Amino acid sequence: MNDDALFRRLIDISRLPTALVTPQGRFFFVNQALCDFLGHQAESMIGRDWTDLMRRRDLSDSDAVGMADVIAGRRESYRTIEEYTHADGHAVWG
């Protein structure tokens, strides 16, 4: 198994909701834990903008800077806590 396949397998079996997002903000890879958390099937999430699932679409300045730093290569990763809308309509924080 190559490194990429191993990395994807580790994310896929993780219990932590995890996604890889393109520089344009679209889901590239989602694991089952994230699908369960948000109530969506992976197929319906791939290619979708991650902010589409947020309750509040505007990002704070620190969120925008964090994501810009990742895109520019100044950081390897970025985490944020946001309120999302589950597929059945209720709010979830993650």
N, C-alpha and C. Protein backbone atom coordinates (compact mmCIF):
# COMPACT_ATOMS: atom_id res chain seq x y z
N MET A 1 0.85 -1.17 0.00
CA MET A 1 0.00 0.00 0.00
C MET A 1 0.90 1.24 0.00
N ASN A 2 0.66 2.17 -0.93
CA ASN A 2 1.48 3.37 -0.98
C ASN A 2 1.06 4.36 0.11
N ASP A 3 1.85 5.41 0.28
CA ASP A 3 1.59 6.37 1.35
C ASP A 3 0.23 7.04 1.21
N ASP A 4 -0.15 7.41 -0.02
CA ASP A 4 -1.44 8.06 -0.25
C ASP A 4 -2.60 7.14 0.12
N ALA A 5 -2.51 5.90 -0.28
CA ALA A 5 -3.56 4.94 0.03
C ALA A 5 -3.64 4.69 1.53
N LEU A 6 -2.50 4.61 2.18
CA LEU A 6 -2.48 4.41 3.63
C LEU A 6 -3.08 5.61 4.35
N PHE A 7 -2.72 6.81 3.93
CA PHE A 7 -3.26 8.03 4.52
C PHE A 7 -4.78 8.06 4.39
N ARG A 8 -5.28 7.80 3.19
CA ARG A 8 -6.73 7.79 2.97
C ARG A 8 -7.42 6.71 3.80
N ARG A 9 -6.81 5.57 3.91
CA ARG A 9 -7.39 4.48 4.71
C ARG A 9 -7.48 4.87 6.18
N LEU A 10 -6.44 5.51 6.69
CA LEU A 10 -6.45 5.95 8.09
C LEU A 10 -7.56 6.97 8.35
N ILE A 11 -7.72 7.91 7.44
CA ILE A 11 -8.79 8.89 7.59
C ILE A 11 -10.15 8.20 7.47
N ASP A 12 -10.26 7.31 6.51
CA ASP A 12 -11.54 6.65 6.25
C ASP A 12 -12.03 5.86 7.45
N ILE A 13 -11.14 5.21 8.18
CA ILE A 13 -11.57 4.39 9.31
C ILE A 13 -11.60 5.16 10.63
N SER A 14 -11.17 6.42 10.60
CA SER A 14 -11.18 7.23 11.81
C SER A 14 -12.60 7.49 12.30
N ARG A 15 -12.75 7.57 13.61
CA ARG A 15 -14.04 7.92 14.20
C ARG A 15 -14.25 9.43 14.23
N LEU A 16 -13.20 10.19 13.93
CA LEU A 16 -13.29 11.65 13.91
C LEU A 16 -13.80 12.13 12.56
N PRO A 17 -14.85 12.96 12.55
CA PRO A 17 -15.31 13.51 11.27
C PRO A 17 -14.18 14.30 10.61
N THR A 18 -13.81 13.88 9.41
CA THR A 18 -12.66 14.45 8.73
C THR A 18 -12.94 14.65 7.25
N ALA A 19 -12.43 15.76 6.71
CA ALA A 19 -12.55 16.02 5.29
C ALA A 19 -11.27 16.64 4.77
N LEU A 20 -10.98 16.38 3.51
CA LEU A 20 -9.95 17.11 2.79
C LEU A 20 -10.71 18.06 1.88
N VAL A 21 -10.27 19.31 1.87
CA VAL A 21 -10.96 20.36 1.14
C VAL A 21 -9.98 20.98 0.15
N THR A 22 -10.44 21.26 -1.07
CA THR A 22 -9.59 21.89 -2.08
C THR A 22 -9.30 23.34 -1.70
N PRO A 23 -8.31 23.95 -2.33
CA PRO A 23 -8.06 25.38 -2.08
C PRO A 23 -9.27 26.27 -2.39
N GLN A 24 -10.17 25.79 -3.23
CA GLN A 24 -11.38 26.54 -3.55
C GLN A 24 -12.49 26.32 -2.53
N GLY A 25 -12.23 25.48 -1.52
CA GLY A 25 -13.20 25.25 -0.46
C GLY A 25 -14.19 24.14 -0.72
N ARG A 26 -13.90 23.27 -1.67
CA ARG A 26 -14.82 22.18 -2.01
C ARG A 26 -14.32 20.86 -1.40
N PHE A 27 -15.28 20.06 -0.93
CA PHE A 27 -14.92 18.75 -0.39
C PHE A 27 -14.27 17.90 -1.47
N PHE A 28 -13.11 17.34 -1.14
CA PHE A 28 -12.38 16.45 -2.04
C PHE A 28 -12.49 15.01 -1.55
N PHE A 29 -12.48 14.85 -0.23
CA PHE A 29 -12.56 13.53 0.40
C PHE A 29 -13.23 13.71 1.75
N VAL A 30 -14.19 12.87 2.06
CA VAL A 30 -14.86 12.90 3.36
C VAL A 30 -14.89 11.48 3.91
N ASN A 31 -14.78 11.35 5.22
CA ASN A 31 -14.87 10.01 5.79
C ASN A 31 -16.31 9.74 6.28
N GLN A 32 -16.57 8.50 6.61
CA GLN A 32 -17.91 8.10 7.03
C GLN A 32 -18.34 8.80 8.31
N ALA A 33 -17.38 9.07 9.20
CA ALA A 33 -17.71 9.76 10.45
C ALA A 33 -18.28 11.16 10.16
N LEU A 34 -17.73 11.85 9.16
CA LEU A 34 -18.26 13.17 8.80
C LEU A 34 -19.65 13.02 8.17
N CYS A 35 -19.82 12.01 7.33
CA CYS A 35 -21.14 11.76 6.73
C CYS A 35 -22.18 11.50 7.82
N ASP A 36 -21.83 10.69 8.79
CA ASP A 36 -22.75 10.40 9.89
C ASP A 36 -23.04 11.66 10.71
N PHE A 37 -22.01 12.47 10.96
CA PHE A 37 -22.14 13.67 11.76
C PHE A 37 -23.08 14.69 11.10
N LEU A 38 -22.97 14.83 9.78
CA LEU A 38 -23.77 15.82 9.06
C LEU A 38 -25.02 15.24 8.39
N GLY A 39 -25.12 13.90 8.38
CA GLY A 39 -26.31 13.27 7.83
C GLY A 39 -26.38 13.23 6.31
N HIS A 40 -25.25 13.38 5.65
CA HIS A 40 -25.20 13.37 4.18
C HIS A 40 -24.41 12.15 3.69
N GLN A 41 -24.69 11.72 2.49
CA GLN A 41 -23.90 10.69 1.84
C GLN A 41 -22.64 11.34 1.26
N ALA A 42 -21.55 10.60 1.21
CA ALA A 42 -20.29 11.13 0.69
C ALA A 42 -20.47 11.66 -0.73
N GLU A 43 -21.20 10.93 -1.55
CA GLU A 43 -21.38 11.32 -2.95
C GLU A 43 -22.02 12.70 -3.08
N SER A 44 -22.89 13.05 -2.15
CA SER A 44 -23.57 14.34 -2.22
C SER A 44 -22.70 15.48 -1.66
N MET A 45 -21.62 15.13 -0.98
CA MET A 45 -20.75 16.14 -0.41
C MET A 45 -19.54 16.45 -1.29
N ILE A 46 -19.03 15.45 -2.00
CA ILE A 46 -17.84 15.66 -2.84
C ILE A 46 -18.13 16.73 -3.89
N GLY A 47 -17.25 17.71 -3.95
CA GLY A 47 -17.39 18.80 -4.90
C GLY A 47 -18.20 19.98 -4.38
N ARG A 48 -18.86 19.78 -3.26
CA ARG A 48 -19.69 20.83 -2.67
C ARG A 48 -18.83 21.75 -1.80
N ASP A 49 -19.16 23.03 -1.78
CA ASP A 49 -18.43 23.99 -0.94
C ASP A 49 -18.76 23.70 0.53
N TRP A 50 -17.72 23.61 1.35
CA TRP A 50 -17.94 23.25 2.75
C TRP A 50 -18.77 24.29 3.48
N THR A 51 -18.73 25.56 3.04
CA THR A 51 -19.52 26.59 3.72
C THR A 51 -21.01 26.46 3.42
N ASP A 52 -21.37 25.68 2.40
CA ASP A 52 -22.80 25.44 2.11
C ASP A 52 -23.50 24.76 3.28
N LEU A 53 -22.73 24.04 4.10
CA LEU A 53 -23.31 23.29 5.22
C LEU A 53 -23.27 24.07 6.53
N MET A 54 -22.72 25.28 6.48
CA MET A 54 -22.63 26.11 7.69
C MET A 54 -23.94 26.85 7.92
N ARG A 55 -24.29 27.05 9.18
CA ARG A 55 -25.46 27.85 9.53
C ARG A 55 -25.19 29.32 9.22
N ARG A 56 -23.98 29.75 9.52
CA ARG A 56 -23.55 31.13 9.32
C ARG A 56 -22.51 31.11 8.21
N ARG A 57 -22.82 31.67 7.07
CA ARG A 57 -21.94 31.54 5.91
C ARG A 57 -20.72 32.46 5.95
N ASP A 58 -20.77 33.52 6.73
CA ASP A 58 -19.63 34.44 6.76
C ASP A 58 -18.58 33.94 7.73
N LEU A 59 -17.34 33.90 7.29
CA LEU A 59 -16.25 33.43 8.11
C LEU A 59 -15.63 34.60 8.86
N SER A 60 -15.16 34.34 10.07
CA SER A 60 -14.48 35.38 10.82
C SER A 60 -13.16 35.72 10.15
N ASP A 61 -12.59 36.85 10.53
CA ASP A 61 -11.29 37.25 9.97
C ASP A 61 -10.22 36.21 10.27
N SER A 62 -10.24 35.65 11.49
CA SER A 62 -9.22 34.65 11.85
C SER A 62 -9.40 33.38 11.02
N ASP A 63 -10.64 33.00 10.71
CA ASP A 63 -10.87 31.85 9.85
C ASP A 63 -10.32 32.10 8.45
N ALA A 64 -10.60 33.28 7.91
CA ALA A 64 -10.13 33.62 6.57
C ALA A 64 -8.60 33.63 6.51
N VAL A 65 -7.96 34.19 7.55
CA VAL A 65 -6.50 34.22 7.60
C VAL A 65 -5.94 32.81 7.72
N GLY A 66 -6.54 31.98 8.57
CA GLY A 66 -6.08 30.61 8.74
C GLY A 66 -6.12 29.83 7.44
N MET A 67 -7.22 29.95 6.72
CA MET A 67 -7.34 29.23 5.45
C MET A 67 -6.39 29.80 4.40
N ALA A 68 -6.22 31.12 4.37
CA ALA A 68 -5.29 31.73 3.42
C ALA A 68 -3.85 31.27 3.70
N ASP A 69 -3.50 31.12 4.97
CA ASP A 69 -2.17 30.64 5.34
C ASP A 69 -1.93 29.21 4.84
N VAL A 70 -2.93 28.37 4.92
CA VAL A 70 -2.79 26.99 4.42
C VAL A 70 -2.61 27.01 2.91
N ILE A 71 -3.44 27.77 2.22
CA ILE A 71 -3.36 27.83 0.77
C ILE A 71 -2.01 28.37 0.31
N ALA A 72 -1.47 29.35 1.04
CA ALA A 72 -0.18 29.95 0.69
C ALA A 72 1.02 29.11 1.13
N GLY A 73 0.76 28.02 1.89
CA GLY A 73 1.84 27.16 2.33
C GLY A 73 2.53 27.61 3.60
N ARG A 74 1.96 28.60 4.30
CA ARG A 74 2.56 29.06 5.55
C ARG A 74 2.17 28.18 6.74
N ARG A 75 1.12 27.37 6.58
CA ARG A 75 0.68 26.42 7.59
C ARG A 75 0.32 25.12 6.88
N GLU A 76 0.43 24.01 7.61
CA GLU A 76 0.09 22.72 7.03
C GLU A 76 -1.39 22.38 7.17
N SER A 77 -2.03 22.94 8.19
CA SER A 77 -3.44 22.62 8.42
C SER A 77 -4.11 23.76 9.15
N TYR A 78 -5.40 23.67 9.19
CA TYR A 78 -6.18 24.70 9.86
C TYR A 78 -7.43 24.04 10.43
N ARG A 79 -7.80 24.40 11.63
CA ARG A 79 -9.02 23.88 12.26
C ARG A 79 -9.91 25.05 12.66
N THR A 80 -11.19 24.80 12.62
CA THR A 80 -12.15 25.80 13.05
C THR A 80 -13.34 25.10 13.69
N ILE A 81 -14.05 25.78 14.54
CA ILE A 81 -15.28 25.27 15.11
C ILE A 81 -16.41 26.12 14.56
N GLU A 82 -17.35 25.47 13.93
CA GLU A 82 -18.46 26.17 13.28
C GLU A 82 -19.78 25.46 13.58
N GLU A 83 -20.85 26.17 13.39
CA GLU A 83 -22.19 25.59 13.50
C GLU A 83 -22.64 25.19 12.10
N TYR A 84 -22.95 23.92 11.96
CA TYR A 84 -23.36 23.36 10.67
C TYR A 84 -24.83 22.95 10.72
N THR A 85 -25.40 22.73 9.56
CA THR A 85 -26.78 22.26 9.47
C THR A 85 -26.76 20.79 9.07
N HIS A 86 -27.29 19.94 9.94
CA HIS A 86 -27.44 18.51 9.66
C HIS A 86 -28.44 18.35 8.52
N ALA A 87 -28.37 17.27 7.80
CA ALA A 87 -29.28 17.02 6.68
C ALA A 87 -30.75 17.09 7.08
N ASP A 88 -31.07 16.75 8.34
CA ASP A 88 -32.46 16.81 8.78
C ASP A 88 -32.86 18.18 9.32
N GLY A 89 -31.91 19.14 9.29
CA GLY A 89 -32.24 20.53 9.62
C GLY A 89 -31.76 21.03 10.97
N HIS A 90 -31.38 20.14 11.89
CA HIS A 90 -30.95 20.63 13.20
C HIS A 90 -29.48 21.10 13.15
N ALA A 91 -29.14 21.94 14.09
CA ALA A 91 -27.78 22.48 14.16
C ALA A 91 -26.85 21.49 14.85
N VAL A 92 -25.61 21.43 14.35
CA VAL A 92 -24.54 20.64 14.97
C VAL A 92 -23.29 21.50 14.99
N TRP A 93 -22.52 21.39 16.07
CA TRP A 93 -21.27 22.12 16.17
C TRP A 93 -20.12 21.16 15.91
N GLY A 94 -19.17 21.61 15.13
CA GLY A 94 -18.03 20.77 14.84
C GLY A 94 -16.86 21.56 14.35
